[in-house]
N, C-alpha and C. Protein backbone atom coordinates (compact mmCIF):
# COMPACT_ATOMS: atom_id res chain seq x y z
N MET A 1 65.82 78.05 140.69
CA MET A 1 64.80 78.90 140.79
C MET A 1 65.17 79.78 141.88
N ALA A 2 64.88 81.11 141.80
CA ALA A 2 65.11 82.11 142.84
C ALA A 2 64.06 81.74 143.94
N MET A 3 63.91 82.63 144.99
CA MET A 3 62.86 82.30 146.04
C MET A 3 61.64 81.96 145.44
N ALA A 4 61.13 80.75 145.91
CA ALA A 4 59.76 80.50 145.51
C ALA A 4 58.75 81.32 146.36
N PHE A 5 57.70 81.76 145.65
CA PHE A 5 56.51 82.37 146.27
C PHE A 5 55.64 81.28 146.86
N VAL A 6 55.54 81.36 148.16
CA VAL A 6 54.55 80.48 148.91
C VAL A 6 53.60 81.24 149.81
N GLY A 7 52.57 80.53 150.30
CA GLY A 7 51.57 81.20 151.20
C GLY A 7 50.37 81.85 150.64
N THR A 8 49.52 81.90 151.42
CA THR A 8 48.20 82.48 150.98
C THR A 8 47.82 83.69 151.95
N HIS A 9 47.40 84.86 151.40
CA HIS A 9 47.17 85.99 152.14
C HIS A 9 45.84 86.63 151.71
N GLU A 10 45.10 86.98 152.62
CA GLU A 10 43.95 87.83 152.46
C GLU A 10 44.12 89.30 152.48
N HIS A 11 43.93 89.98 151.26
CA HIS A 11 44.32 91.44 151.25
C HIS A 11 43.01 92.04 150.66
N SER A 12 43.25 93.34 150.37
CA SER A 12 42.00 94.14 149.73
C SER A 12 42.75 95.11 148.78
N LEU A 13 41.94 95.52 147.78
CA LEU A 13 42.39 96.57 146.82
C LEU A 13 41.76 97.89 147.52
N ASP A 14 42.59 98.97 147.22
CA ASP A 14 42.06 100.28 147.60
C ASP A 14 41.21 100.82 146.55
N VAL A 15 40.63 102.02 146.78
CA VAL A 15 39.62 102.55 146.00
C VAL A 15 40.19 102.89 144.44
N LYS A 16 41.60 102.95 144.45
CA LYS A 16 42.17 103.21 143.14
C LYS A 16 42.52 101.92 142.49
N GLY A 17 42.20 100.78 142.96
CA GLY A 17 42.62 99.40 142.46
C GLY A 17 43.96 98.93 142.66
N ARG A 18 44.63 99.44 143.78
CA ARG A 18 46.03 98.99 144.12
C ARG A 18 45.96 98.01 145.07
N LEU A 19 46.89 97.10 144.94
CA LEU A 19 47.09 96.01 145.83
C LEU A 19 48.29 96.18 146.53
N VAL A 20 48.39 96.09 148.02
CA VAL A 20 49.55 96.01 148.77
C VAL A 20 50.12 94.76 148.76
N LEU A 21 51.29 94.63 148.26
CA LEU A 21 51.98 93.17 148.17
C LEU A 21 52.32 92.69 149.62
N PRO A 22 52.19 91.51 149.85
CA PRO A 22 52.52 90.89 151.25
C PRO A 22 54.03 91.20 151.34
N ALA A 23 54.38 91.50 152.59
CA ALA A 23 55.65 91.93 152.87
C ALA A 23 56.81 90.97 152.48
N LYS A 24 56.45 89.74 152.60
CA LYS A 24 57.46 88.81 152.40
C LYS A 24 57.90 88.71 150.80
N PHE A 25 56.84 89.14 149.90
CA PHE A 25 57.15 89.18 148.52
C PHE A 25 57.73 90.59 148.04
N ARG A 26 57.62 91.68 148.75
CA ARG A 26 57.99 92.94 148.30
C ARG A 26 59.46 93.15 147.77
N SER A 27 60.35 92.48 148.38
CA SER A 27 61.67 92.65 148.05
C SER A 27 62.03 92.10 146.63
N HIS A 28 61.18 91.30 146.19
CA HIS A 28 61.35 90.61 144.84
C HIS A 28 60.83 91.50 143.71
N PHE A 29 60.14 92.63 144.15
CA PHE A 29 59.41 93.44 143.18
C PHE A 29 59.88 94.83 143.35
N SER A 30 61.20 95.15 143.57
CA SER A 30 61.64 96.50 143.88
C SER A 30 61.66 97.30 142.49
N GLY A 31 61.68 96.59 141.31
CA GLY A 31 61.67 97.34 140.07
C GLY A 31 60.41 96.93 139.26
N ASP A 32 60.53 96.62 137.99
CA ASP A 32 59.27 96.29 137.18
C ASP A 32 58.78 94.99 137.55
N ALA A 33 57.66 94.67 137.27
CA ALA A 33 56.91 93.47 137.40
C ALA A 33 55.75 93.38 136.21
N TYR A 34 55.39 92.16 136.07
CA TYR A 34 54.30 91.97 134.94
C TYR A 34 53.06 91.46 135.55
N LEU A 35 52.03 91.98 135.13
CA LEU A 35 50.71 91.39 135.46
C LEU A 35 50.07 90.84 134.12
N THR A 36 49.62 89.70 134.28
CA THR A 36 49.12 89.03 133.16
C THR A 36 47.80 88.29 133.60
N ILE A 37 46.88 88.06 132.57
CA ILE A 37 45.80 87.09 132.69
C ILE A 37 46.32 85.81 133.05
N SER A 38 45.51 84.96 133.72
CA SER A 38 45.93 83.62 134.15
C SER A 38 45.09 82.70 133.38
N GLU A 39 45.54 81.43 133.49
CA GLU A 39 44.88 80.31 132.83
C GLU A 39 43.61 79.95 133.70
N TYR A 40 43.51 80.66 134.91
CA TYR A 40 42.34 80.26 135.69
C TYR A 40 41.31 81.29 135.72
N VAL A 41 40.08 81.16 135.79
CA VAL A 41 38.99 82.04 135.85
C VAL A 41 39.03 82.67 137.25
N GLY A 42 38.94 84.08 137.34
CA GLY A 42 38.89 84.69 138.67
C GLY A 42 40.28 84.91 139.20
N CYS A 43 41.29 84.93 138.31
CA CYS A 43 42.70 85.04 138.72
C CYS A 43 43.46 85.89 137.73
N ILE A 44 44.38 86.68 138.23
CA ILE A 44 45.52 87.23 137.38
C ILE A 44 46.89 86.80 138.03
N ALA A 45 47.96 87.01 137.37
CA ALA A 45 49.29 86.63 137.99
C ALA A 45 50.20 87.92 137.77
N LEU A 46 51.04 87.81 138.85
CA LEU A 46 52.20 88.88 138.96
C LEU A 46 53.40 88.20 139.00
N TRP A 47 54.26 88.58 137.85
CA TRP A 47 55.45 88.00 137.70
C TRP A 47 56.73 88.87 137.86
N THR A 48 57.80 88.46 138.31
CA THR A 48 58.91 89.14 138.28
C THR A 48 59.43 89.20 136.85
N PRO A 49 60.24 90.09 136.33
CA PRO A 49 60.81 90.14 135.08
C PRO A 49 61.44 88.90 134.62
N GLU A 50 62.20 88.16 135.59
CA GLU A 50 62.84 86.96 135.17
C GLU A 50 61.84 85.88 135.00
N GLY A 51 61.02 85.89 135.85
CA GLY A 51 59.86 84.87 135.76
C GLY A 51 58.98 84.98 134.47
N PHE A 52 58.70 86.24 134.18
CA PHE A 52 57.89 86.54 133.07
C PHE A 52 58.65 86.19 131.78
N ASP A 53 60.05 86.46 131.69
CA ASP A 53 60.89 86.10 130.56
C ASP A 53 60.99 84.58 130.44
N ALA A 54 61.14 83.87 131.50
CA ALA A 54 61.21 82.34 131.41
C ALA A 54 59.88 81.81 130.98
N MET A 55 58.75 82.42 131.52
CA MET A 55 57.44 81.82 130.98
C MET A 55 57.27 82.03 129.52
N ALA A 56 57.64 83.29 129.14
CA ALA A 56 57.43 83.67 127.65
C ALA A 56 58.37 82.86 126.77
N ALA A 57 59.61 82.52 127.30
CA ALA A 57 60.52 81.59 126.49
C ALA A 57 60.01 80.15 126.37
N ARG A 58 59.29 79.74 127.50
CA ARG A 58 58.78 78.35 127.52
C ARG A 58 57.53 78.26 126.42
N MET A 59 56.78 79.39 126.48
CA MET A 59 55.66 79.42 125.61
C MET A 59 56.09 79.49 124.19
N LYS A 60 57.09 80.33 123.84
CA LYS A 60 57.58 80.43 122.48
C LYS A 60 58.23 79.05 121.98
N GLU A 61 58.91 78.25 123.00
CA GLU A 61 59.34 76.94 122.43
C GLU A 61 58.17 76.08 122.25
N GLN A 62 57.20 76.16 123.02
CA GLN A 62 55.92 75.34 122.86
C GLN A 62 55.32 75.60 121.51
N VAL A 63 55.25 76.96 121.14
CA VAL A 63 54.71 77.20 119.76
C VAL A 63 55.56 76.57 118.58
N ARG A 64 57.01 76.72 118.87
CA ARG A 64 57.89 76.13 117.81
C ARG A 64 57.66 74.54 117.72
N ASN A 65 57.36 73.93 118.92
CA ASN A 65 57.08 72.51 118.85
C ASN A 65 55.73 72.10 118.58
N ARG A 66 54.89 73.07 118.24
CA ARG A 66 53.47 72.86 117.85
C ARG A 66 52.70 72.20 118.98
N GLU A 67 53.06 72.58 120.30
CA GLU A 67 52.43 72.14 121.45
C GLU A 67 51.22 73.09 121.84
N VAL A 68 51.51 74.31 121.43
CA VAL A 68 50.40 75.28 121.63
C VAL A 68 50.37 76.24 120.51
N GLU A 69 49.19 76.71 120.25
CA GLU A 69 48.98 77.66 119.02
C GLU A 69 49.68 78.88 119.23
N ALA A 70 50.17 79.46 118.03
CA ALA A 70 50.89 80.80 117.97
C ALA A 70 50.09 81.92 118.47
N GLN A 71 48.67 81.72 118.42
CA GLN A 71 47.88 82.84 118.90
C GLN A 71 47.94 82.99 120.38
N ALA A 72 48.26 81.99 121.13
CA ALA A 72 48.57 82.03 122.59
C ALA A 72 49.73 82.91 122.92
N TYR A 73 50.82 82.70 122.20
CA TYR A 73 52.11 83.53 122.41
C TYR A 73 51.68 84.95 121.80
N ARG A 74 51.00 85.04 120.82
CA ARG A 74 50.80 86.45 120.26
C ARG A 74 49.83 87.26 121.25
N ALA A 75 48.96 86.46 121.89
CA ALA A 75 48.09 87.15 122.94
C ALA A 75 48.86 87.65 124.26
N LEU A 76 49.93 87.11 124.44
CA LEU A 76 50.67 87.27 125.84
C LEU A 76 51.04 88.74 125.89
N GLY A 77 51.50 89.38 124.88
CA GLY A 77 51.81 90.80 124.82
C GLY A 77 50.65 91.77 125.21
N PRO A 78 49.76 91.66 124.46
CA PRO A 78 48.49 92.62 124.64
C PRO A 78 47.74 92.29 125.89
N SER A 79 47.93 91.06 126.45
CA SER A 79 47.12 90.73 127.78
C SER A 79 47.90 91.00 128.93
N SER A 80 49.08 91.37 128.78
CA SER A 80 50.03 91.69 130.02
C SER A 80 50.25 93.24 130.06
N GLU A 81 50.68 93.47 131.45
CA GLU A 81 50.88 94.92 131.66
C GLU A 81 52.12 95.05 132.52
N LEU A 82 52.95 96.04 132.18
CA LEU A 82 54.15 96.39 132.90
C LEU A 82 53.77 97.20 133.98
N VAL A 83 54.22 96.80 135.24
CA VAL A 83 53.80 97.76 136.54
C VAL A 83 55.04 97.75 137.33
N ARG A 84 54.97 98.79 138.24
CA ARG A 84 56.08 99.07 139.21
C ARG A 84 55.61 99.41 140.53
N PRO A 85 55.90 98.58 141.46
CA PRO A 85 55.37 98.74 142.86
C PRO A 85 55.83 100.25 143.29
N ASP A 86 55.03 100.89 144.07
CA ASP A 86 55.44 102.06 144.51
C ASP A 86 56.06 101.98 145.91
N ALA A 87 56.46 103.11 146.52
CA ALA A 87 57.34 103.01 147.83
C ALA A 87 56.61 102.22 148.90
N GLN A 88 55.31 102.17 148.95
CA GLN A 88 54.51 101.33 149.83
C GLN A 88 54.30 99.97 149.51
N GLY A 89 54.92 99.52 148.41
CA GLY A 89 54.67 98.16 147.93
C GLY A 89 53.48 97.94 147.28
N ARG A 90 52.76 98.91 146.83
CA ARG A 90 51.46 98.81 146.24
C ARG A 90 51.60 98.68 144.58
N VAL A 91 50.86 97.72 144.00
CA VAL A 91 50.76 97.59 142.62
C VAL A 91 49.47 97.90 142.03
N MET A 92 49.43 98.88 141.01
CA MET A 92 48.21 99.18 140.37
C MET A 92 47.69 98.21 139.49
N ILE A 93 46.47 97.73 139.64
CA ILE A 93 45.81 96.66 138.76
C ILE A 93 44.85 97.34 138.04
N SER A 94 44.98 97.38 136.66
CA SER A 94 44.11 98.10 135.76
C SER A 94 42.71 97.66 135.84
N GLU A 95 41.78 98.51 135.33
CA GLU A 95 40.31 98.13 135.38
C GLU A 95 40.12 96.92 134.54
N ARG A 96 40.85 96.75 133.39
CA ARG A 96 40.63 95.83 132.46
C ARG A 96 41.12 94.45 133.08
N LEU A 97 42.24 94.25 133.86
CA LEU A 97 42.51 93.07 134.60
C LEU A 97 41.56 92.85 135.81
N ARG A 98 41.26 93.86 136.49
CA ARG A 98 40.33 93.70 137.63
C ARG A 98 38.99 93.02 137.11
N GLN A 99 38.46 93.56 136.02
CA GLN A 99 37.44 92.92 135.37
C GLN A 99 37.47 91.54 134.82
N HIS A 100 38.64 91.23 134.37
CA HIS A 100 38.96 90.00 133.78
C HIS A 100 38.86 88.98 134.96
N ALA A 101 39.36 89.20 136.18
CA ALA A 101 39.48 88.36 137.30
C ALA A 101 38.23 88.51 138.04
N SER A 102 37.29 89.50 137.86
CA SER A 102 36.16 89.72 138.79
C SER A 102 36.65 90.22 140.10
N LEU A 103 37.80 91.02 140.21
CA LEU A 103 38.36 91.41 141.46
C LEU A 103 37.76 92.80 141.78
N GLU A 104 37.21 92.90 143.09
CA GLU A 104 36.46 94.01 143.59
C GLU A 104 37.41 94.52 144.79
N HIS A 105 36.98 94.43 145.92
CA HIS A 105 37.62 94.90 147.09
C HIS A 105 38.57 93.84 147.84
N ALA A 106 38.01 92.67 148.21
CA ALA A 106 38.66 91.58 148.78
C ALA A 106 39.31 90.76 147.75
N VAL A 107 40.69 90.39 147.92
CA VAL A 107 41.32 89.49 147.16
C VAL A 107 42.10 88.40 147.96
N VAL A 108 42.38 87.42 147.26
CA VAL A 108 43.31 86.48 147.91
C VAL A 108 44.56 86.44 147.07
N VAL A 109 45.78 86.56 147.81
CA VAL A 109 47.21 86.57 147.09
C VAL A 109 47.87 85.40 147.44
N CYS A 110 48.14 84.58 146.55
CA CYS A 110 48.70 83.16 146.78
C CYS A 110 50.02 83.11 146.04
N GLY A 111 51.03 82.47 146.66
CA GLY A 111 52.24 82.19 146.12
C GLY A 111 52.01 81.06 145.16
N ALA A 112 52.62 81.07 144.01
CA ALA A 112 52.43 79.88 143.10
C ALA A 112 53.95 79.60 142.51
N LEU A 113 54.83 79.54 143.54
CA LEU A 113 56.16 79.18 143.17
C LEU A 113 56.91 80.13 142.31
N ASP A 114 56.63 80.23 141.15
CA ASP A 114 57.26 81.06 140.29
C ASP A 114 56.61 82.50 139.95
N ARG A 115 55.47 82.59 140.53
CA ARG A 115 54.65 83.98 140.37
C ARG A 115 53.76 83.97 141.61
N ILE A 116 53.13 85.20 141.63
CA ILE A 116 52.04 85.31 142.59
C ILE A 116 50.78 85.35 141.79
N GLU A 117 49.75 84.66 142.40
CA GLU A 117 48.41 84.71 141.81
C GLU A 117 47.53 85.67 142.70
N ILE A 118 46.69 86.46 142.00
CA ILE A 118 45.65 87.34 142.74
C ILE A 118 44.24 86.89 142.27
N TRP A 119 43.58 86.34 143.30
CA TRP A 119 42.29 85.69 143.18
C TRP A 119 40.99 86.54 143.59
N ASN A 120 40.05 86.23 142.87
CA ASN A 120 38.75 86.72 143.36
C ASN A 120 38.41 85.69 144.54
N PRO A 121 38.03 86.02 145.67
CA PRO A 121 37.83 85.05 146.82
C PRO A 121 36.85 83.91 146.58
N THR A 122 35.72 84.29 145.80
CA THR A 122 34.92 83.17 145.48
C THR A 122 35.52 82.19 144.63
N SER A 123 36.12 82.67 143.58
CA SER A 123 36.85 81.74 142.77
C SER A 123 37.94 80.89 143.40
N TRP A 124 38.66 81.48 144.31
CA TRP A 124 39.64 80.80 145.17
C TRP A 124 38.91 79.79 145.93
N ALA A 125 37.90 80.06 146.60
CA ALA A 125 37.19 79.25 147.44
C ALA A 125 36.74 77.93 146.59
N LEU A 126 36.40 78.00 145.43
CA LEU A 126 36.06 76.94 144.51
C LEU A 126 37.31 75.97 144.05
N VAL A 127 38.48 76.67 144.08
CA VAL A 127 39.58 75.97 143.50
C VAL A 127 40.42 75.35 144.75
N ALA A 128 40.52 76.09 145.72
CA ALA A 128 41.43 75.63 146.77
C ALA A 128 41.13 74.30 147.35
N PRO A 129 39.99 73.83 147.55
CA PRO A 129 39.71 72.44 148.31
C PRO A 129 40.51 71.30 147.31
N GLY A 130 40.46 71.54 146.16
CA GLY A 130 41.08 70.39 145.27
C GLY A 130 42.58 70.50 145.19
N LEU A 131 43.25 71.58 145.65
CA LEU A 131 44.62 71.54 145.47
C LEU A 131 45.40 70.50 146.36
N ASN A 132 44.99 70.44 147.61
CA ASN A 132 45.75 69.39 148.40
C ASN A 132 45.68 67.97 147.80
N GLN A 133 44.59 67.73 147.27
CA GLN A 133 44.37 66.33 146.63
C GLN A 133 45.34 66.19 145.38
N SER A 134 45.32 67.39 144.61
CA SER A 134 46.24 67.40 143.47
C SER A 134 47.72 67.30 143.86
N LEU A 135 48.01 67.94 144.88
CA LEU A 135 49.43 67.69 145.36
C LEU A 135 49.66 66.24 145.76
N ALA A 136 48.81 65.70 146.49
CA ALA A 136 48.93 64.40 147.00
C ALA A 136 49.06 63.45 145.80
N ASP A 137 48.27 63.57 144.76
CA ASP A 137 48.35 62.82 143.63
C ASP A 137 49.60 62.90 143.05
N ALA A 138 50.26 64.10 142.81
CA ALA A 138 51.49 64.27 142.17
C ALA A 138 52.61 63.59 142.99
N VAL A 139 52.56 63.70 144.38
CA VAL A 139 53.55 63.07 145.16
C VAL A 139 53.60 61.55 145.10
N LEU A 140 52.28 61.04 144.94
CA LEU A 140 52.25 59.55 144.79
C LEU A 140 52.75 59.09 143.43
N LYS A 141 52.76 59.90 142.43
CA LYS A 141 53.30 59.73 141.09
C LYS A 141 54.75 59.97 141.02
N GLY A 142 55.39 60.39 142.18
CA GLY A 142 56.86 60.57 142.19
C GLY A 142 57.17 62.08 141.71
N GLY A 143 56.21 62.89 141.82
CA GLY A 143 56.45 64.33 141.41
C GLY A 143 56.91 65.36 142.40
N GLY A 144 57.23 64.86 143.57
CA GLY A 144 57.74 65.78 144.62
C GLY A 144 57.70 65.20 146.08
N ILE A 145 58.14 65.99 146.89
CA ILE A 145 58.30 65.68 148.34
C ILE A 145 58.95 64.40 148.64
């Protein structure tokens, strides 16, 4: 895996719906990137092209193995958007994706190792408290650290 995206940052969208990427993430998005809906309510994901391709390949393999329905793979294209950060490191988030995640002005930008998640702060506040316990449970089962 290339650099893992880690950390949590409070940011805001400007009036045009643009997000300034946290400085430590910008160098990984000098070209194209992909915005997608997320499996979580109140969240969208920003992927590098390599990360997006790997995720799509995993999903395609899951479809072949009948682990997920073909509709999920089919939905990936129309639910994703190709974006390019501007010179100031801003990414335009479409109205459609902002509505999907209920993003208004304030957002929480979280590293999720292979992608960046952009959260509605209220949704993040509901999810965040359980994350440490989930990590602890995974460690106890031999999943890391």
